[in-house]
N, C-alpha and C. Protein backbone atom coordinates (compact mmCIF):
# COMPACT_ATOMS: atom_id res chain seq x y z
N UNK A 1 0.84 -1.18 0.00
CA UNK A 1 0.00 0.00 0.00
C UNK A 1 0.89 1.24 0.00
N UNK A 2 0.56 2.19 -0.84
CA UNK A 2 1.36 3.41 -0.90
C UNK A 2 0.59 4.57 -0.25
N UNK A 3 1.36 5.52 0.22
CA UNK A 3 0.74 6.67 0.90
C UNK A 3 0.16 7.63 -0.14
N UNK A 4 -0.61 8.58 0.34
CA UNK A 4 -1.19 9.59 -0.55
C UNK A 4 -0.08 10.41 -1.21
N UNK A 5 0.97 10.74 -0.44
CA UNK A 5 2.11 11.48 -0.99
C UNK A 5 2.77 10.69 -2.12
N UNK A 6 3.00 9.40 -1.88
CA UNK A 6 3.63 8.55 -2.90
C UNK A 6 2.76 8.46 -4.15
N UNK A 7 1.44 8.39 -3.97
CA UNK A 7 0.54 8.31 -5.12
C UNK A 7 0.59 9.60 -5.93
N UNK A 8 0.63 10.74 -5.26
CA UNK A 8 0.72 12.02 -5.98
C UNK A 8 2.04 12.16 -6.72
N UNK A 9 3.11 11.71 -6.08
CA UNK A 9 4.42 11.75 -6.73
C UNK A 9 4.43 10.83 -7.96
N UNK A 10 3.86 9.65 -7.83
CA UNK A 10 3.76 8.71 -8.95
C UNK A 10 2.98 9.35 -10.10
N UNK A 11 1.87 9.98 -9.80
CA UNK A 11 1.05 10.62 -10.83
C UNK A 11 1.81 11.78 -11.50
N UNK A 12 2.61 12.53 -10.73
CA UNK A 12 3.40 13.63 -11.27
C UNK A 12 4.40 13.10 -12.30
N UNK A 13 5.08 11.99 -11.96
CA UNK A 13 6.05 11.41 -12.90
C UNK A 13 5.37 10.87 -14.15
N UNK A 14 4.25 10.20 -13.98
CA UNK A 14 3.54 9.64 -15.14
C UNK A 14 3.06 10.75 -16.07
N UNK A 15 2.62 11.86 -15.51
CA UNK A 15 2.09 12.96 -16.32
C UNK A 15 3.19 13.74 -17.05
N UNK A 16 4.43 13.64 -16.59
CA UNK A 16 5.52 14.42 -17.19
C UNK A 16 5.96 13.84 -18.52
N UNK A 17 5.84 14.61 -19.60
CA UNK A 17 6.30 14.11 -20.91
C UNK A 17 7.82 14.15 -20.98
N UNK A 18 8.38 13.36 -21.89
CA UNK A 18 9.81 13.47 -22.14
C UNK A 18 10.05 14.84 -22.75
N UNK A 19 11.05 15.56 -22.26
CA UNK A 19 11.32 16.91 -22.73
C UNK A 19 12.81 17.11 -22.88
N UNK A 20 13.20 18.10 -23.68
CA UNK A 20 14.64 18.38 -23.81
C UNK A 20 15.22 18.82 -22.48
N UNK A 21 16.49 18.48 -22.27
CA UNK A 21 17.18 18.98 -21.09
C UNK A 21 17.30 20.49 -21.21
N UNK A 22 17.31 21.20 -20.09
CA UNK A 22 17.38 22.67 -20.12
C UNK A 22 18.78 23.16 -20.47
N UNK A 23 18.85 24.46 -20.80
CA UNK A 23 20.16 25.09 -20.98
C UNK A 23 20.94 24.97 -19.69
N UNK A 24 22.20 24.73 -19.70
CA UNK A 24 23.10 24.73 -20.85
C UNK A 24 23.28 23.37 -21.50
N UNK A 25 22.50 22.36 -21.09
CA UNK A 25 22.64 21.01 -21.64
C UNK A 25 22.19 20.95 -23.09
N UNK A 26 22.97 20.29 -23.91
CA UNK A 26 22.65 20.09 -25.33
C UNK A 26 22.83 18.62 -25.66
N UNK A 27 21.84 18.04 -26.34
CA UNK A 27 21.98 16.65 -26.75
C UNK A 27 23.08 16.57 -27.81
N UNK A 28 23.96 15.61 -27.66
CA UNK A 28 25.11 15.48 -28.56
C UNK A 28 24.69 14.96 -29.92
N UNK A 29 23.82 13.99 -29.94
CA UNK A 29 23.33 13.42 -31.19
C UNK A 29 21.82 13.64 -31.26
N UNK A 30 21.28 13.72 -32.49
CA UNK A 30 19.85 13.96 -32.64
C UNK A 30 19.01 12.82 -32.10
N UNK A 31 19.48 11.62 -32.26
CA UNK A 31 18.73 10.44 -31.81
C UNK A 31 19.62 9.57 -30.95
N UNK A 32 19.01 8.62 -30.28
CA UNK A 32 19.77 7.65 -29.50
C UNK A 32 20.71 6.91 -30.46
N UNK A 33 21.95 6.69 -30.04
CA UNK A 33 22.91 5.96 -30.84
C UNK A 33 22.71 4.47 -30.58
N UNK A 34 22.33 3.71 -31.62
CA UNK A 34 22.09 2.28 -31.41
C UNK A 34 23.38 1.51 -31.14
N UNK A 35 23.36 0.72 -30.07
CA UNK A 35 24.48 -0.15 -29.72
C UNK A 35 23.87 -1.44 -29.18
N UNK A 36 23.78 -2.44 -30.03
CA UNK A 36 23.17 -3.69 -29.62
C UNK A 36 23.99 -4.41 -28.57
N UNK A 37 23.31 -4.98 -27.60
CA UNK A 37 23.98 -5.76 -26.57
C UNK A 37 24.86 -4.94 -25.65
N UNK A 38 24.50 -3.68 -25.42
CA UNK A 38 25.30 -2.81 -24.56
C UNK A 38 25.31 -3.38 -23.14
N UNK A 39 26.50 -3.53 -22.58
CA UNK A 39 26.66 -4.07 -21.23
C UNK A 39 26.95 -2.99 -20.20
N UNK A 40 27.68 -1.94 -20.61
CA UNK A 40 27.99 -0.88 -19.67
C UNK A 40 28.80 0.22 -20.33
N UNK A 41 28.98 1.31 -19.57
CA UNK A 41 29.74 2.46 -20.07
C UNK A 41 30.64 3.00 -18.96
N UNK A 42 31.64 3.76 -19.38
CA UNK A 42 32.51 4.43 -18.43
C UNK A 42 33.07 5.69 -19.05
N UNK A 43 33.67 6.54 -18.24
CA UNK A 43 34.21 7.81 -18.71
C UNK A 43 35.73 7.84 -18.62
N UNK A 44 36.33 8.55 -19.56
CA UNK A 44 37.76 8.85 -19.56
C UNK A 44 37.91 10.27 -20.09
N UNK A 45 39.13 10.78 -20.09
CA UNK A 45 39.40 12.13 -20.60
C UNK A 45 40.41 12.02 -21.74
N UNK A 46 40.11 12.68 -22.86
CA UNK A 46 41.02 12.69 -24.00
C UNK A 46 42.28 13.44 -23.59
N UNK A 47 43.45 12.80 -23.72
CA UNK A 47 44.68 13.47 -23.27
C UNK A 47 45.06 14.69 -24.10
N UNK A 48 44.57 14.80 -25.32
CA UNK A 48 44.89 15.95 -26.16
C UNK A 48 43.90 17.09 -26.03
N UNK A 49 42.62 16.79 -26.22
CA UNK A 49 41.60 17.84 -26.24
C UNK A 49 41.02 18.15 -24.86
N UNK A 50 41.14 17.21 -23.93
CA UNK A 50 40.52 17.38 -22.62
C UNK A 50 39.04 17.05 -22.61
N UNK A 51 38.48 16.63 -23.78
CA UNK A 51 37.06 16.28 -23.85
C UNK A 51 36.78 15.04 -23.02
N UNK A 52 35.56 14.98 -22.48
CA UNK A 52 35.09 13.74 -21.89
C UNK A 52 34.96 12.70 -22.99
N UNK A 53 35.34 11.47 -22.67
CA UNK A 53 35.17 10.34 -23.58
C UNK A 53 34.25 9.34 -22.90
N UNK A 54 33.43 8.66 -23.70
CA UNK A 54 32.55 7.62 -23.18
C UNK A 54 32.98 6.29 -23.80
N UNK A 55 33.38 5.36 -22.95
CA UNK A 55 33.72 4.03 -23.43
C UNK A 55 32.51 3.13 -23.27
N UNK A 56 32.19 2.42 -24.35
CA UNK A 56 31.04 1.52 -24.37
C UNK A 56 31.54 0.09 -24.46
N UNK A 57 31.04 -0.76 -23.58
CA UNK A 57 31.35 -2.18 -23.61
C UNK A 57 30.06 -2.89 -24.02
N UNK A 58 30.15 -3.67 -25.11
CA UNK A 58 28.96 -4.38 -25.58
C UNK A 58 29.34 -5.81 -25.95
N UNK A 59 28.35 -6.57 -26.32
CA UNK A 59 28.60 -7.94 -26.76
C UNK A 59 29.39 -7.97 -28.07
N UNK A 60 29.43 -6.85 -28.77
CA UNK A 60 30.17 -6.77 -30.03
C UNK A 60 31.52 -6.08 -29.88
N UNK A 61 32.01 -5.91 -28.66
CA UNK A 61 33.32 -5.31 -28.46
C UNK A 61 33.25 -4.01 -27.69
N UNK A 62 34.28 -3.19 -27.89
CA UNK A 62 34.40 -1.91 -27.19
C UNK A 62 34.40 -0.76 -28.18
N UNK A 63 33.83 0.36 -27.77
CA UNK A 63 33.84 1.56 -28.58
C UNK A 63 34.14 2.77 -27.71
N UNK A 64 34.68 3.81 -28.33
CA UNK A 64 35.01 5.03 -27.60
C UNK A 64 34.44 6.22 -28.35
N UNK A 65 33.65 7.04 -27.65
CA UNK A 65 32.99 8.20 -28.24
C UNK A 65 33.51 9.49 -27.61
N UNK A 66 33.65 10.51 -28.44
CA UNK A 66 33.92 11.86 -27.94
C UNK A 66 32.58 12.41 -27.47
N UNK A 67 32.46 12.73 -26.18
CA UNK A 67 31.18 13.16 -25.63
C UNK A 67 30.78 14.56 -26.06
N UNK A 68 31.71 15.34 -26.58
CA UNK A 68 31.39 16.69 -27.03
C UNK A 68 30.84 16.68 -28.46
N UNK A 69 31.44 15.85 -29.32
CA UNK A 69 31.03 15.81 -30.73
C UNK A 69 30.13 14.63 -31.07
N UNK A 70 30.16 13.59 -30.25
CA UNK A 70 29.42 12.37 -30.55
C UNK A 70 30.15 11.43 -31.49
N UNK A 71 31.33 11.84 -31.95
CA UNK A 71 32.09 11.04 -32.91
C UNK A 71 32.63 9.77 -32.25
N UNK A 72 32.49 8.63 -32.97
CA UNK A 72 33.12 7.39 -32.51
C UNK A 72 34.58 7.49 -32.92
N UNK A 73 35.49 7.49 -31.95
CA UNK A 73 36.90 7.73 -32.27
C UNK A 73 37.76 6.46 -32.18
N UNK A 74 37.22 5.39 -31.63
CA UNK A 74 37.97 4.13 -31.59
C UNK A 74 36.99 2.98 -31.45
N UNK A 75 37.40 1.83 -31.99
CA UNK A 75 36.54 0.64 -31.96
C UNK A 75 37.42 -0.59 -31.88
N UNK A 76 37.06 -1.54 -31.03
CA UNK A 76 37.74 -2.83 -30.95
C UNK A 76 36.66 -3.90 -30.97
N UNK A 77 36.51 -4.54 -32.13
CA UNK A 77 35.47 -5.56 -32.28
C UNK A 77 35.87 -6.89 -31.64
N UNK A 78 37.15 -7.06 -31.33
CA UNK A 78 37.63 -8.33 -30.80
C UNK A 78 38.57 -8.11 -29.61
N UNK A 79 38.05 -7.55 -28.49
CA UNK A 79 38.93 -7.32 -27.34
C UNK A 79 39.39 -8.64 -26.73
N UNK A 80 40.48 -8.57 -26.01
CA UNK A 80 41.02 -9.73 -25.31
C UNK A 80 39.94 -10.32 -24.40
N UNK A 81 39.61 -11.60 -24.56
CA UNK A 81 38.56 -12.21 -23.73
C UNK A 81 38.86 -12.11 -22.23
N UNK A 82 40.13 -12.00 -21.88
CA UNK A 82 40.51 -11.91 -20.46
C UNK A 82 40.11 -10.57 -19.84
N UNK A 83 39.91 -9.54 -20.68
CA UNK A 83 39.58 -8.20 -20.16
C UNK A 83 38.42 -7.56 -20.90
N UNK A 84 37.64 -8.36 -21.63
CA UNK A 84 36.59 -7.78 -22.48
C UNK A 84 35.37 -7.31 -21.72
N UNK A 85 35.16 -7.82 -20.50
CA UNK A 85 34.04 -7.36 -19.68
C UNK A 85 34.58 -6.95 -18.30
N UNK A 86 33.94 -6.00 -17.65
CA UNK A 86 34.48 -5.48 -16.39
C UNK A 86 34.40 -6.44 -15.21
N UNK A 87 33.63 -7.49 -15.32
CA UNK A 87 33.47 -8.40 -14.19
C UNK A 87 34.73 -9.20 -13.88
N UNK A 88 35.72 -9.19 -14.78
CA UNK A 88 36.97 -9.92 -14.51
C UNK A 88 37.92 -9.09 -13.65
N UNK A 89 37.57 -7.84 -13.38
CA UNK A 89 38.40 -6.94 -12.59
C UNK A 89 37.67 -6.57 -11.30
N UNK A 90 38.39 -6.61 -10.18
CA UNK A 90 37.78 -6.23 -8.90
C UNK A 90 37.32 -4.78 -8.92
N UNK A 91 37.93 -3.94 -9.77
CA UNK A 91 37.57 -2.53 -9.87
C UNK A 91 36.54 -2.27 -10.97
N UNK A 92 36.03 -3.34 -11.58
CA UNK A 92 35.07 -3.23 -12.69
C UNK A 92 35.63 -2.34 -13.81
N UNK A 93 36.83 -2.65 -14.28
CA UNK A 93 37.46 -1.87 -15.34
C UNK A 93 37.68 -2.71 -16.59
N UNK A 94 37.83 -2.03 -17.69
CA UNK A 94 38.29 -2.60 -18.95
C UNK A 94 39.42 -1.69 -19.44
N UNK A 95 40.38 -2.24 -20.18
CA UNK A 95 41.45 -1.37 -20.69
C UNK A 95 40.91 -0.42 -21.74
N UNK A 96 41.35 0.84 -21.68
CA UNK A 96 40.92 1.82 -22.66
C UNK A 96 41.45 1.52 -24.05
N UNK A 97 40.96 2.26 -25.02
CA UNK A 97 41.40 2.09 -26.40
C UNK A 97 41.56 3.46 -27.04
N UNK A 98 42.13 3.47 -28.24
CA UNK A 98 42.35 4.74 -28.92
C UNK A 98 43.26 5.63 -28.12
N UNK A 99 42.89 6.90 -27.90
CA UNK A 99 43.77 7.83 -27.18
C UNK A 99 43.97 7.49 -25.71
N UNK A 100 43.17 6.60 -25.16
CA UNK A 100 43.35 6.19 -23.76
C UNK A 100 43.72 4.70 -23.69
N UNK A 101 44.38 4.22 -24.73
CA UNK A 101 44.79 2.81 -24.78
C UNK A 101 45.62 2.45 -23.56
N UNK A 102 45.25 1.32 -22.95
CA UNK A 102 45.97 0.82 -21.79
C UNK A 102 45.56 1.44 -20.46
N UNK A 103 44.82 2.53 -20.49
CA UNK A 103 44.35 3.17 -19.25
C UNK A 103 43.11 2.42 -18.77
N UNK A 104 43.07 1.95 -17.53
CA UNK A 104 41.86 1.26 -17.07
C UNK A 104 40.69 2.25 -16.97
N UNK A 105 39.54 1.84 -17.51
CA UNK A 105 38.33 2.67 -17.48
C UNK A 105 37.29 1.92 -16.67
N UNK A 106 36.80 2.56 -15.60
CA UNK A 106 35.74 1.95 -14.79
C UNK A 106 34.45 1.91 -15.60
N UNK A 107 33.79 0.75 -15.58
CA UNK A 107 32.58 0.53 -16.35
C UNK A 107 31.41 0.28 -15.40
N UNK A 108 30.32 1.00 -15.61
CA UNK A 108 29.09 0.80 -14.84
C UNK A 108 28.04 0.21 -15.76
N UNK A 109 27.26 -0.73 -15.24
CA UNK A 109 26.21 -1.31 -16.07
C UNK A 109 25.75 -2.65 -15.56
N UNK A 110 25.65 -3.60 -16.46
CA UNK A 110 25.09 -4.92 -16.15
C UNK A 110 25.84 -5.63 -15.02
N UNK A 111 27.16 -5.40 -14.92
CA UNK A 111 27.95 -6.10 -13.92
C UNK A 111 28.08 -5.32 -12.62
N UNK A 112 27.40 -4.18 -12.50
CA UNK A 112 27.45 -3.39 -11.28
C UNK A 112 28.17 -2.07 -11.51
N UNK A 113 28.55 -1.46 -10.41
CA UNK A 113 29.21 -0.16 -10.50
C UNK A 113 28.19 0.95 -10.65
N UNK A 114 28.68 2.17 -10.71
CA UNK A 114 27.78 3.30 -10.85
C UNK A 114 28.51 4.52 -11.35
N UNK A 115 27.74 5.47 -11.82
CA UNK A 115 28.26 6.74 -12.31
C UNK A 115 27.85 7.84 -11.33
N UNK A 116 28.45 9.00 -11.46
CA UNK A 116 28.10 10.13 -10.61
C UNK A 116 26.64 10.52 -10.84
N UNK A 117 25.91 10.79 -9.76
CA UNK A 117 24.50 11.21 -9.89
C UNK A 117 24.32 12.69 -9.57
N UNK A 118 25.42 13.36 -9.21
CA UNK A 118 25.37 14.80 -8.97
C UNK A 118 26.58 15.46 -9.61
N UNK A 119 26.48 16.77 -9.83
CA UNK A 119 27.61 17.54 -10.33
C UNK A 119 28.04 18.53 -9.25
N UNK A 120 29.27 19.04 -9.34
CA UNK A 120 29.73 20.00 -8.33
C UNK A 120 28.87 21.26 -8.24
N UNK A 121 28.18 21.61 -9.35
CA UNK A 121 27.36 22.83 -9.32
C UNK A 121 25.87 22.56 -9.13
N UNK A 122 25.51 21.36 -8.67
CA UNK A 122 24.15 21.14 -8.20
C UNK A 122 23.16 20.40 -9.06
N UNK A 123 23.53 19.94 -10.26
CA UNK A 123 22.60 19.12 -11.05
C UNK A 123 22.51 17.73 -10.43
N UNK A 124 21.31 17.14 -10.49
CA UNK A 124 21.07 15.82 -9.91
C UNK A 124 20.34 14.96 -10.93
N UNK A 125 20.73 13.69 -10.99
CA UNK A 125 20.04 12.71 -11.83
C UNK A 125 19.38 11.67 -10.94
N UNK A 126 18.15 11.32 -11.28
CA UNK A 126 17.43 10.25 -10.58
C UNK A 126 16.78 9.35 -11.61
N UNK A 127 16.64 8.09 -11.24
CA UNK A 127 15.87 7.14 -12.04
C UNK A 127 14.62 6.83 -11.22
N UNK A 128 13.45 7.05 -11.82
CA UNK A 128 12.19 6.78 -11.14
C UNK A 128 11.43 5.72 -11.94
N UNK A 129 10.59 4.96 -11.23
CA UNK A 129 9.86 3.86 -11.86
C UNK A 129 8.38 3.88 -11.46
N UNK A 130 7.65 4.92 -11.89
CA UNK A 130 6.24 4.94 -11.51
C UNK A 130 5.41 3.87 -12.21
N UNK A 131 5.93 3.35 -13.31
CA UNK A 131 5.27 2.27 -14.05
C UNK A 131 6.28 1.17 -14.31
N UNK A 132 6.77 0.55 -13.23
CA UNK A 132 7.77 -0.50 -13.35
C UNK A 132 7.31 -1.54 -14.35
N UNK A 133 8.19 -2.04 -15.24
CA UNK A 133 9.65 -1.93 -15.25
C UNK A 133 10.19 -0.80 -16.13
N UNK A 134 9.35 0.13 -16.52
CA UNK A 134 9.81 1.24 -17.37
C UNK A 134 10.51 2.29 -16.51
N UNK A 135 11.74 2.62 -16.91
CA UNK A 135 12.53 3.60 -16.16
C UNK A 135 12.42 4.97 -16.80
N UNK A 136 12.37 6.00 -15.96
CA UNK A 136 12.39 7.38 -16.41
C UNK A 136 13.59 8.06 -15.78
N UNK A 137 14.31 8.82 -16.58
CA UNK A 137 15.47 9.54 -16.06
C UNK A 137 15.06 10.99 -15.87
N UNK A 138 15.28 11.49 -14.66
CA UNK A 138 14.88 12.84 -14.29
C UNK A 138 16.14 13.64 -13.94
N UNK A 139 16.31 14.76 -14.63
CA UNK A 139 17.39 15.71 -14.37
C UNK A 139 16.80 16.86 -13.58
N UNK A 140 17.46 17.26 -12.50
CA UNK A 140 16.90 18.35 -11.72
C UNK A 140 17.95 19.36 -11.29
N UNK A 141 17.47 20.56 -11.07
CA UNK A 141 18.30 21.66 -10.58
C UNK A 141 17.83 22.08 -9.19
N UNK A 142 16.97 21.25 -8.57
CA UNK A 142 16.42 21.59 -7.26
C UNK A 142 16.89 20.63 -6.18
N UNK A 143 18.04 20.02 -6.41
CA UNK A 143 18.57 19.09 -5.42
C UNK A 143 17.90 17.74 -5.41
N UNK A 144 17.09 17.46 -6.41
CA UNK A 144 16.42 16.18 -6.51
C UNK A 144 15.08 16.10 -5.81
N UNK A 145 14.51 17.25 -5.43
CA UNK A 145 13.21 17.21 -4.74
C UNK A 145 12.04 17.13 -5.70
N UNK A 146 12.25 17.51 -6.96
CA UNK A 146 11.23 17.39 -8.02
C UNK A 146 9.91 18.06 -7.64
N UNK A 147 10.02 19.27 -7.10
CA UNK A 147 8.82 20.01 -6.72
C UNK A 147 8.21 20.71 -7.93
N UNK A 148 6.91 20.88 -7.90
CA UNK A 148 6.22 21.58 -8.98
C UNK A 148 6.14 20.75 -10.25
N UNK A 149 5.60 21.34 -11.31
CA UNK A 149 5.44 20.60 -12.57
C UNK A 149 6.78 20.42 -13.28
N UNK A 150 6.84 19.39 -14.12
CA UNK A 150 8.02 19.14 -14.94
C UNK A 150 8.29 20.35 -15.83
N UNK A 151 9.57 20.64 -16.04
CA UNK A 151 9.95 21.77 -16.87
C UNK A 151 10.27 23.02 -16.08
N UNK A 152 10.04 22.99 -14.76
CA UNK A 152 10.37 24.14 -13.91
C UNK A 152 11.77 23.99 -13.36
N UNK A 153 11.91 23.07 -12.39
CA UNK A 153 13.23 22.80 -11.81
C UNK A 153 13.64 21.35 -12.02
N UNK A 154 12.78 20.56 -12.69
CA UNK A 154 13.14 19.18 -13.00
C UNK A 154 12.57 18.82 -14.38
N UNK A 155 13.25 17.91 -15.07
CA UNK A 155 12.92 17.56 -16.45
C UNK A 155 12.99 16.05 -16.63
N UNK A 156 11.95 15.48 -17.22
CA UNK A 156 11.93 14.06 -17.59
C UNK A 156 12.63 13.97 -18.95
N UNK A 157 13.92 13.60 -18.95
CA UNK A 157 14.74 13.68 -20.16
C UNK A 157 14.86 12.37 -20.93
N UNK A 158 14.47 11.25 -20.30
CA UNK A 158 14.62 9.96 -20.98
C UNK A 158 13.61 8.98 -20.42
N UNK A 159 13.01 8.19 -21.31
CA UNK A 159 12.03 7.17 -20.91
C UNK A 159 12.44 5.86 -21.56
N UNK A 160 12.83 4.91 -20.75
CA UNK A 160 13.25 3.61 -21.26
C UNK A 160 12.06 2.66 -21.22
N UNK A 161 11.39 2.56 -22.34
CA UNK A 161 10.18 1.73 -22.37
C UNK A 161 10.34 0.48 -23.23
N UNK A 162 11.50 0.30 -23.88
CA UNK A 162 11.67 -0.88 -24.72
C UNK A 162 12.99 -1.59 -24.49
N UNK A 163 13.89 -1.03 -23.71
CA UNK A 163 15.18 -1.65 -23.41
C UNK A 163 15.49 -1.50 -21.93
N UNK A 164 16.36 -2.36 -21.43
CA UNK A 164 16.75 -2.29 -20.02
C UNK A 164 17.76 -1.18 -19.81
N UNK A 165 17.53 -0.40 -18.78
CA UNK A 165 18.49 0.63 -18.41
C UNK A 165 19.75 -0.04 -17.88
N UNK A 166 20.91 0.42 -18.37
CA UNK A 166 22.19 -0.15 -17.92
C UNK A 166 22.93 0.80 -16.98
N UNK A 167 23.01 2.07 -17.34
CA UNK A 167 23.75 3.04 -16.52
C UNK A 167 23.25 4.45 -16.83
N UNK A 168 23.21 5.28 -15.79
CA UNK A 168 22.80 6.67 -15.91
C UNK A 168 23.74 7.48 -15.04
N UNK A 169 24.30 8.56 -15.59
CA UNK A 169 25.12 9.39 -14.73
C UNK A 169 25.90 10.47 -15.45
N UNK A 170 26.60 11.25 -14.65
CA UNK A 170 27.45 12.33 -15.14
C UNK A 170 28.88 11.85 -15.21
N UNK A 171 29.66 12.47 -16.09
CA UNK A 171 31.10 12.25 -16.10
C UNK A 171 31.68 12.88 -14.84
N UNK A 172 32.90 12.47 -14.43
CA UNK A 172 33.51 13.09 -13.26
C UNK A 172 33.65 14.61 -13.39
N UNK A 173 33.80 15.12 -14.61
CA UNK A 173 33.91 16.58 -14.81
C UNK A 173 32.58 17.28 -14.59
N UNK A 174 31.47 16.54 -14.68
CA UNK A 174 30.14 17.15 -14.59
C UNK A 174 29.68 17.79 -15.88
N UNK A 175 30.43 17.61 -16.97
CA UNK A 175 30.09 18.25 -18.25
C UNK A 175 29.35 17.33 -19.20
N UNK A 176 29.26 16.05 -18.90
CA UNK A 176 28.57 15.09 -19.76
C UNK A 176 27.56 14.32 -18.94
N UNK A 177 26.39 14.11 -19.53
CA UNK A 177 25.33 13.31 -18.94
C UNK A 177 25.10 12.15 -19.90
N UNK A 178 25.09 10.92 -19.40
CA UNK A 178 24.93 9.75 -20.25
C UNK A 178 23.81 8.85 -19.74
N UNK A 179 23.05 8.30 -20.70
CA UNK A 179 22.06 7.28 -20.40
C UNK A 179 22.33 6.12 -21.34
N UNK A 180 22.59 4.95 -20.76
CA UNK A 180 22.86 3.75 -21.55
C UNK A 180 21.80 2.70 -21.26
N UNK A 181 21.24 2.14 -22.33
CA UNK A 181 20.31 1.02 -22.20
C UNK A 181 20.95 -0.18 -22.87
N UNK A 182 20.26 -1.31 -22.85
CA UNK A 182 20.78 -2.50 -23.49
C UNK A 182 20.87 -2.35 -25.01
N UNK A 183 20.28 -1.29 -25.55
CA UNK A 183 20.27 -1.14 -27.01
C UNK A 183 20.80 0.19 -27.53
N UNK A 184 21.08 1.18 -26.65
CA UNK A 184 21.50 2.48 -27.17
C UNK A 184 22.18 3.34 -26.13
N UNK A 185 22.79 4.42 -26.63
CA UNK A 185 23.49 5.39 -25.80
C UNK A 185 22.97 6.77 -26.15
N UNK A 186 22.65 7.57 -25.14
CA UNK A 186 22.22 8.95 -25.34
C UNK A 186 23.13 9.84 -24.50
N UNK A 187 23.62 10.92 -25.12
CA UNK A 187 24.55 11.83 -24.45
C UNK A 187 24.08 13.27 -24.53
N UNK A 188 24.34 14.01 -23.46
CA UNK A 188 24.16 15.46 -23.43
C UNK A 188 25.49 16.03 -22.95
N UNK A 189 25.79 17.25 -23.36
CA UNK A 189 27.01 17.91 -22.91
C UNK A 189 26.71 19.37 -22.61
N UNK A 190 27.63 20.01 -21.92
CA UNK A 190 27.54 21.45 -21.68
C UNK A 190 28.97 21.99 -21.65
N UNK A 191 29.14 23.29 -21.90
CA UNK A 191 30.48 23.82 -22.06
C UNK A 191 31.27 24.02 -20.78
N UNK A 192 30.60 24.28 -19.66
CA UNK A 192 31.34 24.59 -18.43
C UNK A 192 30.46 24.42 -17.22
N UNK A 193 31.09 24.32 -16.07
CA UNK A 193 30.35 24.29 -14.80
C UNK A 193 29.92 25.72 -14.49
N UNK A 194 28.75 25.84 -13.88
CA UNK A 194 28.24 27.17 -13.50
C UNK A 194 27.90 27.14 -12.02
N UNK A 195 28.53 28.02 -11.29
CA UNK A 195 28.24 28.15 -9.86
C UNK A 195 27.53 29.46 -9.64
N UNK A 196 26.32 29.40 -9.07
CA UNK A 196 25.55 30.60 -8.77
C UNK A 196 25.96 31.11 -7.40
N UNK A 197 26.20 32.40 -7.33
CA UNK A 197 26.59 33.00 -6.05
C UNK A 197 25.38 33.48 -5.29
């Protein structure tokens, strides 16, 4: 049995349509990037440009994306079976590829682990399930309280209604927001951290 408060909160989430993330967040790609058999994702930093990188581990190998441009910058269709999935490492890592070759990258997803759910300047990500098993990703600027209607201080930015959610979170820099499901990757980026005085 749920309380009246819980029922109202559930109804608020169900009523909220999927909407674009607010400024300064910009979706990197127009549509979800299809990645079949996605197992998990992790973040690294490009040693040359300083851009956030997103490493994807899937049943078809490893891929590395520039989180600012959305460009796939490296691909390994046949990674070493000894290190191809993060569950073989106590730290849940896989070796990086491309510009971060050999650098261990922590992977969050099917095998466990997690990504940052807050940024240094106050953005918060939550996964809510008012209609389980469908997951909704909520981005908020109100500390995660989700007060008032959607689009004010919180935004329903992703609805996983056909694939399993694997990982949701921010990069350590707080400049990239990623949502990974068993079938696709969605990225948002922003140019800088903003601290309100």
